[in-house]
Amino acid sequence: IDPVEIKWEVSPGSGNLRGETTFTETRTPTSSLRL
């Protein structure tokens, strides 16, 4: 089972964030994904 990277971007003006911000999280699916 291969791990995956989830990336998302938060646009300027969102909350207290300044400038475009990209976040990345690594997750590994469980074997139940086959079902």
PDB file of all heavy atoms in Angstrom:
ATOM      1  N   ILE A   1       0.862  -1.176   0.000  1.00  0.00           N
ATOM      2  CA  ILE A   1       0.000   0.000   0.000  1.00  0.00           C
ATOM      3  C   ILE A   1       0.896   1.222   0.000  1.00  0.00           C
ATOM      4  O   ILE A   1       1.693   1.418   0.917  1.00  0.00           O
ATOM      5  CB  ILE A   1      -0.931   0.014   1.222  1.00  0.00           C
ATOM      6  CG1 ILE A   1      -1.830  -1.227   1.216  1.00  0.00           C
ATOM      7  CG2 ILE A   1      -1.778   1.276   1.244  1.00  0.00           C
ATOM      8  CD1 ILE A   1      -2.750  -1.321   2.419  1.00  0.00           C
ATOM      9  N   ASP A   2       0.781   2.044  -1.044  1.00  0.00           N
ATOM     10  CA  ASP A   2       1.645   3.211  -1.169  1.00  0.00           C
ATOM     11  C   ASP A   2       1.089   4.393  -0.374  1.00  0.00           C
ATOM     12  O   ASP A   2      -0.120   4.635  -0.370  1.00  0.00           O
ATOM     13  CB  ASP A   2       1.773   3.629  -2.635  1.00  0.00           C
ATOM     14  CG  ASP A   2       2.544   2.604  -3.460  1.00  0.00           C
ATOM     15  OD1 ASP A   2       3.178   1.720  -2.856  1.00  0.00           O
ATOM     16  OD2 ASP A   2       2.502   2.703  -4.709  1.00  0.00           O
ATOM     17  N   PRO A   3       1.954   5.152   0.283  1.00  0.00           N
ATOM     18  CA  PRO A   3       1.500   6.396   0.931  1.00  0.00           C
ATOM     19  C   PRO A   3       1.184   7.445  -0.121  1.00  0.00           C
ATOM     20  O   PRO A   3       1.673   7.380  -1.254  1.00  0.00           O
ATOM     21  CB  PRO A   3       2.707   6.800   1.787  1.00  0.00           C
ATOM     22  CG  PRO A   3       3.882   6.206   1.077  1.00  0.00           C
ATOM     23  CD  PRO A   3       3.402   4.914   0.466  1.00  0.00           C
ATOM     24  N   VAL A   4       0.374   8.402   0.250  1.00  0.00           N
ATOM     25  CA  VAL A   4       0.012   9.485  -0.670  1.00  0.00           C
ATOM     26  C   VAL A   4       0.290  10.826  -0.007  1.00  0.00           C
ATOM     27  O   VAL A   4       0.367  10.929   1.220  1.00  0.00           O
ATOM     28  CB  VAL A   4      -1.480   9.415  -1.081  1.00  0.00           C
ATOM     29  CG1 VAL A   4      -1.790   8.082  -1.738  1.00  0.00           C
ATOM     30  CG2 VAL A   4      -2.386   9.660   0.116  1.00  0.00           C
ATOM     31  N   GLU A   5       0.442  11.833  -0.833  1.00  0.00           N
ATOM     32  CA  GLU A   5       0.578  13.207  -0.357  1.00  0.00           C
ATOM     33  C   GLU A   5      -0.672  13.984  -0.742  1.00  0.00           C
ATOM     34  O   GLU A   5      -1.087  13.974  -1.907  1.00  0.00           O
ATOM     35  CB  GLU A   5       1.812  13.876  -0.958  1.00  0.00           C
ATOM     36  CG  GLU A   5       3.113  13.482  -0.287  1.00  0.00           C
ATOM     37  CD  GLU A   5       4.282  14.324  -0.764  1.00  0.00           C
ATOM     38  OE1 GLU A   5       4.164  14.967  -1.835  1.00  0.00           O
ATOM     39  OE2 GLU A   5       5.315  14.344  -0.061  1.00  0.00           O
ATOM     40  N   ILE A   6      -1.259  14.637   0.235  1.00  0.00           N
ATOM     41  CA  ILE A   6      -2.434  15.482   0.001  1.00  0.00           C
ATOM     42  C   ILE A   6      -1.976  16.928   0.092  1.00  0.00           C
ATOM     43  O   ILE A   6      -1.431  17.356   1.106  1.00  0.00           O
ATOM     44  CB  ILE A   6      -3.530  15.190   1.038  1.00  0.00           C
ATOM     45  CG1 ILE A   6      -3.867  13.704   1.037  1.00  0.00           C
ATOM     46  CG2 ILE A   6      -4.772  16.031   0.771  1.00  0.00           C
ATOM     47  CD1 ILE A   6      -4.759  13.293   2.179  1.00  0.00           C
ATOM     48  N   LYS A   7      -2.193  17.683  -0.989  1.00  0.00           N
ATOM     49  CA  LYS A   7      -1.773  19.084  -1.036  1.00  0.00           C
ATOM     50  C   LYS A   7      -2.991  19.967  -1.234  1.00  0.00           C
ATOM     51  O   LYS A   7      -3.889  19.630  -2.005  1.00  0.00           O
ATOM     52  CB  LYS A   7      -0.768  19.305  -2.174  1.00  0.00           C
ATOM     53  CG  LYS A   7       0.554  18.567  -2.004  1.00  0.00           C
ATOM     54  CD  LYS A   7       1.511  18.899  -3.138  1.00  0.00           C
ATOM     55  CE  LYS A   7       2.844  18.179  -2.966  1.00  0.00           C
ATOM     56  NZ  LYS A   7       3.792  18.502  -4.058  1.00  0.00           N
ATOM     57  N   TRP A   8      -3.011  21.085  -0.534  1.00  0.00           N
ATOM     58  CA  TRP A   8      -4.081  22.058  -0.744  1.00  0.00           C
ATOM     59  C   TRP A   8      -3.560  23.465  -0.511  1.00  0.00           C
ATOM     60  O   TRP A   8      -2.573  23.666   0.189  1.00  0.00           O
ATOM     61  CB  TRP A   8      -5.294  21.759   0.143  1.00  0.00           C
ATOM     62  CG  TRP A   8      -5.117  21.927   1.612  1.00  0.00           C
ATOM     63  CD1 TRP A   8      -5.506  22.998   2.383  1.00  0.00           C
ATOM     64  CD2 TRP A   8      -4.538  20.987   2.540  1.00  0.00           C
ATOM     65  NE1 TRP A   8      -5.208  22.793   3.706  1.00  0.00           N
ATOM     66  CE2 TRP A   8      -4.620  21.563   3.840  1.00  0.00           C
ATOM     67  CE3 TRP A   8      -3.956  19.725   2.404  1.00  0.00           C
ATOM     68  CZ2 TRP A   8      -4.143  20.920   4.981  1.00  0.00           C
ATOM     69  CZ3 TRP A   8      -3.487  19.083   3.543  1.00  0.00           C
ATOM     70  CH2 TRP A   8      -3.581  19.682   4.804  1.00  0.00           C
ATOM     71  N   GLU A   9      -4.216  24.411  -1.139  1.00  0.00           N
ATOM     72  CA  GLU A   9      -3.785  25.799  -1.087  1.00  0.00           C
ATOM     73  C   GLU A   9      -4.873  26.665  -0.470  1.00  0.00           C
ATOM     74  O   GLU A   9      -6.056  26.511  -0.783  1.00  0.00           O
ATOM     75  CB  GLU A   9      -3.454  26.323  -2.490  1.00  0.00           C
ATOM     76  CG  GLU A   9      -2.270  25.632  -3.136  1.00  0.00           C
ATOM     77  CD  GLU A   9      -1.958  26.186  -4.508  1.00  0.00           C
ATOM     78  OE1 GLU A   9      -2.792  26.948  -5.032  1.00  0.00           O
ATOM     79  OE2 GLU A   9      -0.881  25.881  -5.044  1.00  0.00           O
ATOM     80  N   VAL A  10      -4.463  27.562   0.391  1.00  0.00           N
ATOM     81  CA  VAL A  10      -5.373  28.532   1.003  1.00  0.00           C
ATOM     82  C   VAL A  10      -5.078  29.895   0.401  1.00  0.00           C
ATOM     83  O   VAL A  10      -3.934  30.349   0.410  1.00  0.00           O
ATOM     84  CB  VAL A  10      -5.211  28.563   2.537  1.00  0.00           C
ATOM     85  CG1 VAL A  10      -6.154  29.591   3.141  1.00  0.00           C
ATOM     86  CG2 VAL A  10      -5.469  27.185   3.123  1.00  0.00           C
ATOM     87  N   SER A  11      -6.087  30.517  -0.157  1.00  0.00           N
ATOM     88  CA  SER A  11      -5.906  31.779  -0.877  1.00  0.00           C
ATOM     89  C   SER A  11      -5.634  32.936   0.080  1.00  0.00           C
ATOM     90  O   SER A  11      -5.972  32.876   1.274  1.00  0.00           O
ATOM     91  CB  SER A  11      -7.147  32.099  -1.707  1.00  0.00           C
ATOM     92  OG  SER A  11      -7.393  31.066  -2.632  1.00  0.00           O
ATOM     93  N   PRO A  12      -5.065  34.026  -0.409  1.00  0.00           N
ATOM     94  CA  PRO A  12      -4.840  35.214   0.427  1.00  0.00           C
ATOM     95  C   PRO A  12      -6.149  35.740   0.989  1.00  0.00           C
ATOM     96  O   PRO A  12      -7.196  35.673   0.348  1.00  0.00           O
ATOM     97  CB  PRO A  12      -4.223  36.211  -0.555  1.00  0.00           C
ATOM     98  CG  PRO A  12      -3.644  35.375  -1.644  1.00  0.00           C
ATOM     99  CD  PRO A  12      -4.537  34.183  -1.766  1.00  0.00           C
ATOM    100  N   GLY A  13      -6.083  36.253   2.189  1.00  0.00           N
ATOM    101  CA  GLY A  13      -7.268  36.813   2.818  1.00  0.00           C
ATOM    102  C   GLY A  13      -8.079  35.803   3.591  1.00  0.00           C
ATOM    103  O   GLY A  13      -9.113  36.141   4.154  1.00  0.00           O
ATOM    104  N   SER A  14      -7.632  34.535   3.612  1.00  0.00           N
ATOM    105  CA  SER A  14      -8.346  33.511   4.357  1.00  0.00           C
ATOM    106  C   SER A  14      -7.889  33.521   5.806  1.00  0.00           C
ATOM    107  O   SER A  14      -6.741  33.207   6.111  1.00  0.00           O
ATOM    108  CB  SER A  14      -8.086  32.123   3.748  1.00  0.00           C
ATOM    109  OG  SER A  14      -8.560  32.083   2.430  1.00  0.00           O
ATOM    110  N   GLY A  15      -8.766  33.904   6.704  1.00  0.00           N
ATOM    111  CA  GLY A  15      -8.420  33.938   8.117  1.00  0.00           C
ATOM    112  C   GLY A  15      -7.319  34.936   8.381  1.00  0.00           C
ATOM    113  O   GLY A  15      -7.299  36.047   7.871  1.00  0.00           O
ATOM    114  N   ASN A  16      -6.329  34.508   9.158  1.00  0.00           N
ATOM    115  CA  ASN A  16      -5.200  35.380   9.490  1.00  0.00           C
ATOM    116  C   ASN A  16      -3.989  35.097   8.619  1.00  0.00           C
ATOM    117  O   ASN A  16      -2.893  35.576   8.893  1.00  0.00           O
ATOM    118  CB  ASN A  16      -4.825  35.183  10.974  1.00  0.00           C
ATOM    119  CG  ASN A  16      -5.950  35.628  11.887  1.00  0.00           C
ATOM    120  OD1 ASN A  16      -6.627  36.608  11.605  1.00  0.00           O
ATOM    121  ND2 ASN A  16      -6.141  34.915  12.985  1.00  0.00           N
ATOM    122  N   LEU A  17      -4.187  34.270   7.546  1.00  0.00           N
ATOM    123  CA  LEU A  17      -3.061  33.917   6.711  1.00  0.00           C
ATOM    124  C   LEU A  17      -2.731  35.047   5.752  1.00  0.00           C
ATOM    125  O   LEU A  17      -3.604  35.747   5.268  1.00  0.00           O
ATOM    126  CB  LEU A  17      -3.383  32.634   5.922  1.00  0.00           C
ATOM    127  CG  LEU A  17      -3.672  31.402   6.783  1.00  0.00           C
ATOM    128  CD1 LEU A  17      -4.115  30.247   5.896  1.00  0.00           C
ATOM    129  CD2 LEU A  17      -2.438  31.012   7.567  1.00  0.00           C
ATOM    130  N   ARG A  18      -1.455  35.208   5.443  1.00  0.00           N
ATOM    131  CA  ARG A  18      -1.007  36.245   4.529  1.00  0.00           C
ATOM    132  C   ARG A  18      -0.306  35.572   3.349  1.00  0.00           C
ATOM    133  O   ARG A  18       0.653  34.849   3.527  1.00  0.00           O
ATOM    134  CB  ARG A  18      -0.048  37.210   5.228  1.00  0.00           C
ATOM    135  CG  ARG A  18      -0.702  37.983   6.374  1.00  0.00           C
ATOM    136  CD  ARG A  18       0.291  38.925   7.028  1.00  0.00           C
ATOM    137  NE  ARG A  18      -0.330  39.676   8.103  1.00  0.00           N
ATOM    138  CZ  ARG A  18       0.329  40.547   8.868  1.00  0.00           C
ATOM    139  NH1 ARG A  18       1.620  40.762   8.660  1.00  0.00           N
ATOM    140  NH2 ARG A  18      -0.299  41.187   9.837  1.00  0.00           N
ATOM    141  N   GLY A  19      -0.785  35.838   2.159  1.00  0.00           N
ATOM    142  CA  GLY A  19      -0.189  35.238   0.985  1.00  0.00           C
ATOM    143  C   GLY A  19      -0.694  33.826   0.746  1.00  0.00           C
ATOM    144  O   GLY A  19      -1.284  33.202   1.615  1.00  0.00           O
ATOM    145  N   GLU A  20      -0.467  33.328  -0.459  1.00  0.00           N
ATOM    146  CA  GLU A  20      -0.880  31.967  -0.815  1.00  0.00           C
ATOM    147  C   GLU A  20      -0.085  30.967   0.012  1.00  0.00           C
ATOM    148  O   GLU A  20       1.140  31.033   0.090  1.00  0.00           O
ATOM    149  CB  GLU A  20      -0.647  31.736  -2.309  1.00  0.00           C
ATOM    150  CG  GLU A  20      -1.222  30.434  -2.821  1.00  0.00           C
ATOM    151  CD  GLU A  20      -2.610  30.620  -3.383  1.00  0.00           C
ATOM    152  OE1 GLU A  20      -3.124  31.754  -3.372  1.00  0.00           O
ATOM    153  OE2 GLU A  20      -3.174  29.620  -3.837  1.00  0.00           O
ATOM    154  N   THR A  21      -0.773  30.046   0.633  1.00  0.00           N
ATOM    155  CA  THR A  21      -0.114  29.074   1.497  1.00  0.00           C
ATOM    156  C   THR A  21      -0.478  27.669   1.045  1.00  0.00           C
ATOM    157  O   THR A  21      -1.656  27.358   0.863  1.00  0.00           O
ATOM    158  CB  THR A  21      -0.529  29.262   2.961  1.00  0.00           C
ATOM    159  OG1 THR A  21      -0.258  30.614   3.339  1.00  0.00           O
ATOM    160  CG2 THR A  21       0.242  28.327   3.865  1.00  0.00           C
ATOM    161  N   THR A  22       0.536  26.838   0.843  1.00  0.00           N
ATOM    162  CA  THR A  22       0.331  25.459   0.434  1.00  0.00           C
ATOM    163  C   THR A  22       0.658  24.531   1.590  1.00  0.00           C
ATOM    164  O   THR A  22       1.701  24.663   2.233  1.00  0.00           O
ATOM    165  CB  THR A  22       1.219  25.108  -0.777  1.00  0.00           C
ATOM    166  OG1 THR A  22       0.908  25.993  -1.859  1.00  0.00           O
ATOM    167  CG2 THR A  22       0.974  23.684  -1.218  1.00  0.00           C
ATOM    168  N   PHE A  23      -0.243  23.598   1.838  1.00  0.00           N
ATOM    169  CA  PHE A  23      -0.045  22.628   2.905  1.00  0.00           C
ATOM    170  C   PHE A  23       0.042  21.232   2.309  1.00  0.00           C
ATOM    171  O   PHE A  23      -0.592  20.925   1.295  1.00  0.00           O
ATOM    172  CB  PHE A  23      -1.205  22.674   3.907  1.00  0.00           C
ATOM    173  CG  PHE A  23      -1.370  24.026   4.567  1.00  0.00           C
ATOM    174  CD1 PHE A  23      -2.311  24.924   4.109  1.00  0.00           C
ATOM    175  CD2 PHE A  23      -0.571  24.383   5.640  1.00  0.00           C
ATOM    176  CE1 PHE A  23      -2.471  26.163   4.704  1.00  0.00           C
ATOM    177  CE2 PHE A  23      -0.715  25.621   6.246  1.00  0.00           C
ATOM    178  CZ  PHE A  23      -1.670  26.514   5.771  1.00  0.00           C
ATOM    179  N   THR A  24       0.851  20.388   2.943  1.00  0.00           N
ATOM    180  CA  THR A  24       1.033  19.013   2.484  1.00  0.00           C
ATOM    181  C   THR A  24       0.980  18.065   3.675  1.00  0.00           C
ATOM    182  O   THR A  24       1.636  18.311   4.694  1.00  0.00           O
ATOM    183  CB  THR A  24       2.381  18.843   1.758  1.00  0.00           C
ATOM    184  OG1 THR A  24       2.441  19.745   0.654  1.00  0.00           O
ATOM    185  CG2 THR A  24       2.537  17.412   1.252  1.00  0.00           C
ATOM    186  N   GLU A  25       0.193  17.022   3.547  1.00  0.00           N
ATOM    187  CA  GLU A  25       0.114  15.992   4.579  1.00  0.00           C
ATOM    188  C   GLU A  25       0.286  14.628   3.910  1.00  0.00           C
ATOM    189  O   GLU A  25      -0.215  14.397   2.806  1.00  0.00           O
ATOM    190  CB  GLU A  25      -1.236  16.029   5.302  1.00  0.00           C
ATOM    191  CG  GLU A  25      -1.419  17.218   6.232  1.00  0.00           C
ATOM    192  CD  GLU A  25      -0.659  17.065   7.544  1.00  0.00           C
ATOM    193  OE1 GLU A  25      -0.251  15.923   7.850  1.00  0.00           O
ATOM    194  OE2 GLU A  25      -0.483  18.073   8.252  1.00  0.00           O
ATOM    195  N   THR A  26       1.001  13.744   4.580  1.00  0.00           N
ATOM    196  CA  THR A  26       1.190  12.377   4.082  1.00  0.00           C
ATOM    197  C   THR A  26       0.260  11.421   4.827  1.00  0.00           C
ATOM    198  O   THR A  26       0.187  11.465   6.054  1.00  0.00           O
ATOM    199  CB  THR A  26       2.651  11.924   4.254  1.00  0.00           C
ATOM    200  OG1 THR A  26       3.510  12.792   3.509  1.00  0.00           O
ATOM    201  CG2 THR A  26       2.834  10.490   3.765  1.00  0.00           C
ATOM    202  N   ARG A  27      -0.454  10.605   4.079  1.00  0.00           N
ATOM    203  CA  ARG A  27      -1.348   9.616   4.666  1.00  0.00           C
ATOM    204  C   ARG A  27      -1.150   8.279   3.950  1.00  0.00           C
ATOM    205  O   ARG A  27      -0.866   8.234   2.754  1.00  0.00           O
ATOM    206  CB  ARG A  27      -2.807  10.045   4.532  1.00  0.00           C
ATOM    207  CG  ARG A  27      -3.179  11.292   5.326  1.00  0.00           C
ATOM    208  CD  ARG A  27      -3.190  11.014   6.822  1.00  0.00           C
ATOM    209  NE  ARG A  27      -3.595  12.179   7.587  1.00  0.00           N
ATOM    210  CZ  ARG A  27      -2.765  13.083   8.078  1.00  0.00           C
ATOM    211  NH1 ARG A  27      -1.457  12.940   7.870  1.00  0.00           N
ATOM    212  NH2 ARG A  27      -3.212  14.121   8.762  1.00  0.00           N
ATOM    213  N   THR A  28      -1.311   7.199   4.708  1.00  0.00           N
ATOM    214  CA  THR A  28      -1.227   5.856   4.141  1.00  0.00           C
ATOM    215  C   THR A  28      -2.584   5.185   4.267  1.00  0.00           C
ATOM    216  O   THR A  28      -3.104   5.042   5.383  1.00  0.00           O
ATOM    217  CB  THR A  28      -0.167   5.009   4.869  1.00  0.00           C
ATOM    218  OG1 THR A  28       1.104   5.653   4.767  1.00  0.00           O
ATOM    219  CG2 THR A  28      -0.081   3.618   4.259  1.00  0.00           C
ATOM    220  N   PRO A  29      -3.182   4.778   3.149  1.00  0.00           N
ATOM    221  CA  PRO A  29      -4.498   4.139   3.208  1.00  0.00           C
ATOM    222  C   PRO A  29      -4.448   2.830   3.995  1.00  0.00           C
ATOM    223  O   PRO A  29      -3.414   2.170   4.062  1.00  0.00           O
ATOM    224  CB  PRO A  29      -4.834   3.876   1.734  1.00  0.00           C
ATOM    225  CG  PRO A  29      -3.941   4.788   0.960  1.00  0.00           C
ATOM    226  CD  PRO A  29      -2.697   4.947   1.770  1.00  0.00           C
ATOM    227  N   THR A  30      -5.576   2.479   4.573  1.00  0.00           N
ATOM    228  CA  THR A  30      -5.701   1.175   5.223  1.00  0.00           C
ATOM    229  C   THR A  30      -6.089   0.141   4.167  1.00  0.00           C
ATOM    230  O   THR A  30      -6.557   0.479   3.075  1.00  0.00           O
ATOM    231  CB  THR A  30      -6.770   1.207   6.324  1.00  0.00           C
ATOM    232  OG1 THR A  30      -8.040   1.557   5.736  1.00  0.00           O
ATOM    233  CG2 THR A  30      -6.418   2.236   7.384  1.00  0.00           C
ATOM    234  N   SER A  31      -5.905  -1.126   4.501  1.00  0.00           N
ATOM    235  CA  SER A  31      -6.187  -2.194   3.541  1.00  0.00           C
ATOM    236  C   SER A  31      -7.660  -2.258   3.159  1.00  0.00           C
ATOM    237  O   SER A  31      -8.013  -2.803   2.106  1.00  0.00           O
ATOM    238  CB  SER A  31      -5.745  -3.540   4.119  1.00  0.00           C
ATOM    239  OG  SER A  31      -6.419  -3.813   5.345  1.00  0.00           O
ATOM    240  N   SER A  32      -8.534  -1.678   3.999  1.00  0.00           N
ATOM    241  CA  SER A  32      -9.966  -1.711   3.701  1.00  0.00           C
ATOM    242  C   SER A  32     -10.316  -0.835   2.501  1.00  0.00           C
ATOM    243  O   SER A  32     -11.457  -0.859   2.032  1.00  0.00           O
ATOM    244  CB  SER A  32     -10.781  -1.267   4.922  1.00  0.00           C
ATOM    245  OG  SER A  32     -10.485   0.075   5.269  1.00  0.00           O
ATOM    246  N   LEU A  33      -9.346  -0.071   1.979  1.00  0.00           N
ATOM    247  CA  LEU A  33      -9.602   0.731   0.789  1.00  0.00           C
ATOM    248  C   LEU A  33     -10.002  -0.168  -0.377  1.00  0.00           C
ATOM    249  O   LEU A  33     -10.758   0.242  -1.259  1.00  0.00           O
ATOM    250  CB  LEU A  33      -8.365   1.555   0.433  1.00  0.00           C
ATOM    251  CG  LEU A  33      -8.448   2.397  -0.849  1.00  0.00           C
ATOM    252  CD1 LEU A  33      -9.585   3.420  -0.749  1.00  0.00           C
ATOM    253  CD2 LEU A  33      -7.129   3.097  -1.137  1.00  0.00           C
ATOM    254  N   ARG A  34      -9.508  -1.411  -0.387  1.00  0.00           N
ATOM    255  CA  ARG A  34      -9.850  -2.344  -1.462  1.00  0.00           C
ATOM    256  C   ARG A  34     -11.347  -2.629  -1.504  1.00  0.00           C
ATOM    257  O   ARG A  34     -11.887  -3.015  -2.538  1.00  0.00           O
ATOM    258  CB  ARG A  34      -9.079  -3.652  -1.284  1.00  0.00           C
ATOM    259  CG  ARG A  34      -7.572  -3.525  -1.464  1.00  0.00           C
ATOM    260  CD  ARG A  34      -6.904  -4.853  -1.230  1.00  0.00           C
ATOM    261  NE  ARG A  34      -7.157  -5.328   0.134  1.00  0.00           N
ATOM    262  CZ  ARG A  34      -7.115  -6.602   0.502  1.00  0.00           C
ATOM    263  NH1 ARG A  34      -6.909  -7.535  -0.403  1.00  0.00           N
ATOM    264  NH2 ARG A  34      -7.311  -6.938   1.757  1.00  0.00           N
ATOM    265  N   LEU A  35     -12.027  -2.464  -0.364  1.00  0.00           N
ATOM    266  CA  LEU A  35     -13.453  -2.756  -0.277  1.00  0.00           C
ATOM    267  C   LEU A  35     -14.310  -1.503  -0.317  1.00  0.00           C
ATOM    268  O   LEU A  35     -15.536  -1.589  -0.297  1.00  0.00           O
ATOM    269  CB  LEU A  35     -13.745  -3.506   1.032  1.00  0.00           C
ATOM    270  CG  LEU A  35     -12.880  -4.734   1.314  1.00  0.00           C
ATOM    271  CD1 LEU A  35     -13.171  -5.266   2.709  1.00  0.00           C
ATOM    272  CD2 LEU A  35     -13.116  -5.809   0.277  1.00  0.00           C
TER     273      LEU A  35
END
